Amino acid sequence: MPVLTAYGGIYLNYPEDLKSHSRISYENRIIPKLVSQLPSHSFYYQQYSTDFKNWLPLKWLQYQQSTRYTYKISLDNNIDSLRSSLKGNTRRNISNAEKECTVSSISFEEYWFHLVNSYTERGKTNPFNQFALQNLYNSLTPLGKCELLSISNTQTQEVLGGIFIVKDHLRCYYLSGFYYPKGEPKHSFSALLWHVIAQCKLKEFDFEGSMIPDIEKFFRSFGGELIPHYKIWKINSLILRLLFSIKKPSFLG
């Protein structure tokens, strides 16, 4: 998978007005034809979009899968309905932080500076690659497909958190973010994330994860729907099969 790419795999354009059984029949017929066109390879691996529901044709071809989860919020509802879906203490925390904070755009250089510093302050390793993030930002900004936002204490102007959002024609996606745990007021990052959700004019907001318990709990509090998606792979090389049987790569977990 390319760096910072949550979803890949197969995307299908369906004929119009397919009934459910016809749609599945179409998938069962087309998916094997698509994968048969792959060039010779030792190892196939993709993390599929949440729109891909039927991996049975791949299973029948001896592919393997593990299930991942993300949270998605439908933005068809009005803002009051979305706010009412928030967990009670999350809604209160956001309301309190909104009174003392300001959301504004931020440059990539400032975003990266705070991203690195916030991970250092939390005693954690920054998992992001500056070159990859900046290339993505530089490519998507002219298209209007990304936003870098920060949230600051209105009185002190202290930066408390930031977020990197990307978009397609249907959804906003949470790509990365940072927060300072000692910043005041508390829960400012929740207010920033809520601001992004509330301002998004597309169909859905996708948190892109997470399988990490603390992050899952935080994302869950925003009232989204838990959605499964698949990691799918196939090992054709005998050497790789042996190596993976000794130690399975972490990205297949």
Protein backbone atom coordinates (compact mmCIF):
# COMPACT_ATOMS: atom_id res chain seq x y z
CA MET A 1 0.00 0.00 0.00
CA PRO A 2 1.26 3.54 -0.71
CA VAL A 3 2.27 5.59 2.31
CA LEU A 4 -0.68 7.33 4.05
CA THR A 5 -3.20 5.40 1.94
CA ALA A 6 -5.90 3.79 4.04
CA TYR A 7 -7.87 2.19 1.22
CA GLY A 8 -7.01 0.51 -2.05
CA GLY A 9 -8.04 -2.70 -3.74
CA ILE A 10 -10.90 -3.18 -6.17
CA TYR A 11 -13.45 -0.49 -7.05
CA LEU A 12 -16.41 -1.52 -9.18
CA ASN A 13 -18.70 0.52 -11.43
CA TYR A 14 -22.06 -1.24 -11.33
CA PRO A 15 -24.72 -1.27 -14.05
CA GLU A 16 -27.73 0.79 -13.06
CA ASP A 17 -30.74 -0.59 -11.19
CA LEU A 18 -29.20 -3.89 -10.08
CA LYS A 19 -31.14 -5.86 -7.51
CA SER A 20 -29.19 -7.24 -4.56
CA HIS A 21 -28.80 -10.76 -5.95
CA SER A 22 -27.79 -9.38 -9.36
CA ARG A 23 -25.23 -7.10 -7.75
CA ILE A 24 -23.60 -10.04 -5.96
CA SER A 25 -23.67 -12.11 -9.16
CA TYR A 26 -21.96 -9.23 -10.95
CA GLU A 27 -19.26 -9.08 -8.26
CA ASN A 28 -18.75 -12.85 -8.34
CA ARG A 29 -18.27 -12.70 -12.10
CA ILE A 30 -16.16 -9.55 -12.43
CA ILE A 31 -13.76 -9.79 -9.46
CA PRO A 32 -12.05 -13.03 -10.62
CA LYS A 33 -11.66 -11.50 -14.10
CA LEU A 34 -9.99 -8.44 -12.62
CA VAL A 35 -7.47 -10.28 -10.44
CA SER A 36 -6.65 -12.65 -13.31
CA GLN A 37 -5.22 -9.64 -15.13
CA LEU A 38 -2.62 -8.95 -12.44
CA PRO A 39 0.97 -9.42 -13.61
CA SER A 40 2.98 -12.28 -12.16
CA HIS A 41 3.70 -11.53 -8.50
CA SER A 42 5.04 -13.16 -5.33
CA PHE A 43 2.77 -11.37 -2.90
CA TYR A 44 -0.49 -9.45 -3.12
CA TYR A 45 -1.69 -7.17 -0.33
CA GLN A 46 -4.33 -4.44 -0.24
CA GLN A 47 -6.47 -2.80 2.43
CA TYR A 48 -9.87 -2.48 0.81
CA SER A 49 -12.36 0.36 0.98
CA THR A 50 -15.36 0.14 3.29
CA ASP A 51 -17.47 0.15 0.10
CA PHE A 52 -16.14 -3.30 -0.79
CA LYS A 53 -18.46 -5.81 0.93
CA ASN A 54 -18.10 -9.10 -0.92
CA TRP A 55 -14.71 -10.77 -0.71
CA LEU A 56 -16.09 -14.28 -1.35
CA PRO A 57 -14.78 -14.44 -4.93
CA LEU A 58 -11.28 -13.79 -3.55
CA LYS A 59 -11.68 -16.40 -0.84
CA TRP A 60 -12.59 -18.95 -3.50
CA LEU A 61 -9.30 -18.04 -5.20
CA GLN A 62 -7.35 -18.79 -1.99
CA TYR A 63 -6.87 -15.19 -0.89
CA GLN A 64 -6.88 -14.49 2.85
CA GLN A 65 -8.30 -11.62 4.84
CA SER A 66 -8.38 -9.97 8.23
CA THR A 67 -11.13 -7.60 9.28
CA ARG A 68 -10.38 -4.02 10.28
CA TYR A 69 -12.76 -1.37 11.60
CA THR A 70 -13.31 2.33 11.21
CA TYR A 71 -15.96 4.78 12.38
CA LYS A 72 -17.97 6.77 9.86
CA ILE A 73 -20.48 9.55 10.45
CA SER A 74 -23.27 10.18 7.97
CA LEU A 75 -23.53 13.92 7.37
CA ASP A 76 -27.02 13.79 5.88
CA ASN A 77 -28.48 14.85 9.23
CA ASN A 78 -28.61 18.45 10.42
CA ILE A 79 -26.12 19.84 12.91
CA ASP A 80 -28.44 19.47 15.92
CA SER A 81 -28.96 15.79 15.15
CA LEU A 82 -25.22 15.24 14.78
CA ARG A 83 -24.54 17.00 18.07
CA SER A 84 -27.19 14.94 19.86
CA SER A 85 -25.41 11.78 18.68
CA LEU A 86 -22.26 12.74 20.59
CA LYS A 87 -21.59 10.93 23.85
CA GLY A 88 -22.84 13.10 26.72
CA ASN A 89 -19.49 13.99 28.29
CA THR A 90 -17.94 14.52 24.85
CA ARG A 91 -20.69 16.99 23.99
CA ARG A 92 -20.12 18.87 27.27
CA ASN A 93 -16.34 18.86 26.80
CA ILE A 94 -16.71 20.26 23.29
CA SER A 95 -19.11 22.98 24.41
CA ASN A 96 -16.74 24.06 27.19
CA ALA A 97 -13.68 24.10 24.90
CA GLU A 98 -15.51 26.03 22.16
CA LYS A 99 -16.02 28.93 24.56
CA GLU A 100 -12.27 29.42 25.01
CA CYS A 101 -10.80 28.32 21.68
CA THR A 102 -10.38 29.50 18.09
CA VAL A 103 -9.99 27.31 15.00
CA SER A 104 -7.85 28.60 12.14
CA SER A 105 -5.87 27.44 9.12
CA ILE A 106 -2.24 26.55 9.64
CA SER A 107 0.79 26.22 7.35
CA PHE A 108 2.38 22.85 6.75
CA GLU A 109 5.61 23.99 8.41
CA GLU A 110 3.76 25.04 11.55
CA TYR A 111 1.70 21.86 11.52
CA TRP A 112 4.80 19.66 11.29
CA PHE A 113 6.56 21.63 14.03
CA HIS A 114 3.72 21.08 16.48
CA LEU A 115 3.16 17.47 15.37
CA VAL A 116 6.76 16.58 16.25
CA ASN A 117 6.73 18.57 19.50
CA SER A 118 3.44 17.10 20.70
CA TYR A 119 4.65 13.53 20.23
CA THR A 120 7.86 14.41 22.08
CA GLU A 121 5.88 15.96 24.93
CA ARG A 122 3.78 12.80 25.18
CA GLY A 123 6.88 10.60 25.19
CA LYS A 124 5.89 8.87 21.94
CA THR A 125 7.55 8.35 18.57
CA ASN A 126 6.15 10.40 15.72
CA PRO A 127 4.83 7.78 13.23
CA PHE A 128 4.54 10.17 10.29
CA ASN A 129 6.99 10.86 7.48
CA GLN A 130 7.48 14.56 6.78
CA PHE A 131 8.30 14.08 3.10
CA ALA A 132 5.19 11.96 2.49
CA LEU A 133 2.85 14.33 4.38
CA GLN A 134 4.23 17.40 2.65
CA ASN A 135 4.00 15.82 -0.81
CA LEU A 136 0.38 14.94 -0.13
CA TYR A 137 -0.33 18.45 1.12
CA ASN A 138 1.37 20.06 -1.90
CA SER A 139 -0.53 17.83 -4.33
CA LEU A 140 -3.99 18.15 -2.79
CA THR A 141 -4.00 21.81 -1.76
CA PRO A 142 -4.34 23.21 -5.33
CA LEU A 143 -7.30 20.84 -5.82
CA GLY A 144 -9.02 21.99 -2.64
CA LYS A 145 -8.90 18.43 -1.32
CA CYS A 146 -7.13 18.92 2.02
CA GLU A 147 -7.17 21.18 5.07
CA LEU A 148 -4.68 21.86 7.83
CA LEU A 149 -6.35 23.37 10.88
CA SER A 150 -5.23 24.26 14.37
CA ILE A 151 -7.10 25.08 17.55
CA SER A 152 -5.70 27.67 19.93
CA ASN A 153 -6.53 29.23 23.26
CA THR A 154 -8.29 32.44 22.22
CA GLN A 155 -6.79 34.48 25.06
CA THR A 156 -3.17 33.22 25.07
CA GLN A 157 -2.95 32.21 21.37
CA GLU A 158 -1.27 28.97 22.50
CA VAL A 159 -1.66 26.20 19.91
CA LEU A 160 -3.39 23.24 21.54
CA GLY A 161 -3.93 20.83 18.65
CA GLY A 162 -4.06 20.39 14.91
CA ILE A 163 -5.57 18.18 12.26
CA PHE A 164 -4.84 17.11 8.67
CA ILE A 165 -8.02 16.37 6.69
CA VAL A 166 -8.23 15.05 3.12
CA LYS A 167 -11.31 14.82 0.90
CA ASP A 168 -12.71 13.12 -2.14
CA HIS A 169 -16.08 13.70 -3.82
CA LEU A 170 -17.95 11.77 -1.10
CA ARG A 171 -16.09 11.97 2.21
CA CYS A 172 -13.79 13.83 4.53
CA TYR A 173 -11.03 11.66 6.01
CA TYR A 174 -9.03 12.10 9.20
CA LEU A 175 -5.41 11.62 8.13
CA SER A 176 -3.36 12.79 11.11
CA GLY A 177 -3.52 15.07 14.11
CA PHE A 178 -1.75 16.26 17.23
CA TYR A 179 -2.61 17.63 20.65
CA TYR A 180 -0.70 18.89 23.68
CA PRO A 181 -1.83 16.97 26.76
CA LYS A 182 -0.96 19.83 29.11
CA GLY A 183 -2.74 22.48 27.06
CA GLU A 184 -5.68 24.45 28.49
CA PRO A 185 -8.57 24.17 28.09
CA LYS A 186 -8.71 20.42 28.12
CA HIS A 187 -10.52 18.57 25.33
CA SER A 188 -9.66 21.21 22.75
CA PHE A 189 -8.82 18.51 20.21
CA SER A 190 -12.36 17.13 20.57
CA ALA A 191 -13.65 20.62 19.74
CA LEU A 192 -11.37 20.78 16.69
CA LEU A 193 -12.48 17.41 15.40
CA TRP A 194 -16.12 18.33 15.96
CA HIS A 195 -15.55 21.59 14.07
CA VAL A 196 -14.26 19.63 11.06
CA ILE A 197 -17.20 17.20 11.17
CA ALA A 198 -19.75 19.99 11.51
CA GLN A 199 -18.25 22.04 8.67
CA CYS A 200 -17.81 19.14 6.22
CA LYS A 201 -20.23 19.55 3.30
CA LEU A 202 -19.81 16.04 1.92
CA LYS A 203 -21.74 12.82 2.49
CA GLU A 204 -19.64 11.25 5.26
CA PHE A 205 -16.78 11.73 7.67
CA ASP A 206 -14.38 8.77 7.94
CA PHE A 207 -12.10 8.50 10.98
CA GLU A 208 -9.91 5.91 9.16
CA GLY A 209 -9.67 3.63 12.19
CA SER A 210 -8.69 2.84 14.76
CA MET A 211 -7.94 -0.63 16.12
CA ILE A 212 -6.01 0.89 19.04
CA PRO A 213 -8.28 0.69 22.13
CA ASP A 214 -7.82 4.24 23.47
CA ILE A 215 -8.21 5.81 20.02
CA GLU A 216 -11.22 3.61 19.22
CA LYS A 217 -12.90 4.75 22.43
CA PHE A 218 -12.26 8.41 21.56
CA PHE A 219 -13.57 8.07 18.00
CA ARG A 220 -16.61 6.09 19.21
CA SER A 221 -17.66 9.01 21.43
CA PHE A 222 -18.50 11.08 18.32
CA GLY A 223 -21.47 8.86 17.53
CA GLY A 224 -20.32 7.29 14.28
CA GLU A 225 -21.18 3.85 12.94
CA LEU A 226 -18.65 1.04 13.37
CA ILE A 227 -17.83 -0.17 9.85
CA PRO A 228 -15.76 -3.24 8.91
CA HIS A 229 -13.37 -3.39 5.99
CA TYR A 230 -10.85 -5.92 4.81
CA LYS A 231 -7.14 -6.46 4.51
CA ILE A 232 -6.76 -9.01 1.72
CA TRP A 233 -3.62 -10.83 0.68
CA LYS A 234 -2.27 -13.85 -1.16
CA ILE A 235 1.21 -15.34 -0.98
CA ASN A 236 2.38 -17.04 -4.19
CA SER A 237 6.05 -17.37 -3.31
CA LEU A 238 7.07 -20.53 -1.43
CA ILE A 239 9.92 -18.64 0.21
CA LEU A 240 7.59 -15.92 1.48
CA ARG A 241 5.14 -18.52 2.74
CA LEU A 242 7.93 -20.06 4.78
CA LEU A 243 9.12 -16.71 6.11
CA PHE A 244 5.61 -15.55 6.98
CA SER A 245 4.88 -18.85 8.73
CA ILE A 246 7.86 -18.17 10.99
CA LYS A 247 6.94 -14.53 11.63
CA LYS A 248 3.76 -12.98 10.27
CA PRO A 249 4.26 -9.33 9.24
CA SER A 250 2.52 -6.87 11.55
CA PHE A 251 0.62 -5.22 8.68
CA LEU A 252 -1.27 -8.48 8.09
CA GLY A 253 -2.61 -8.49 11.66
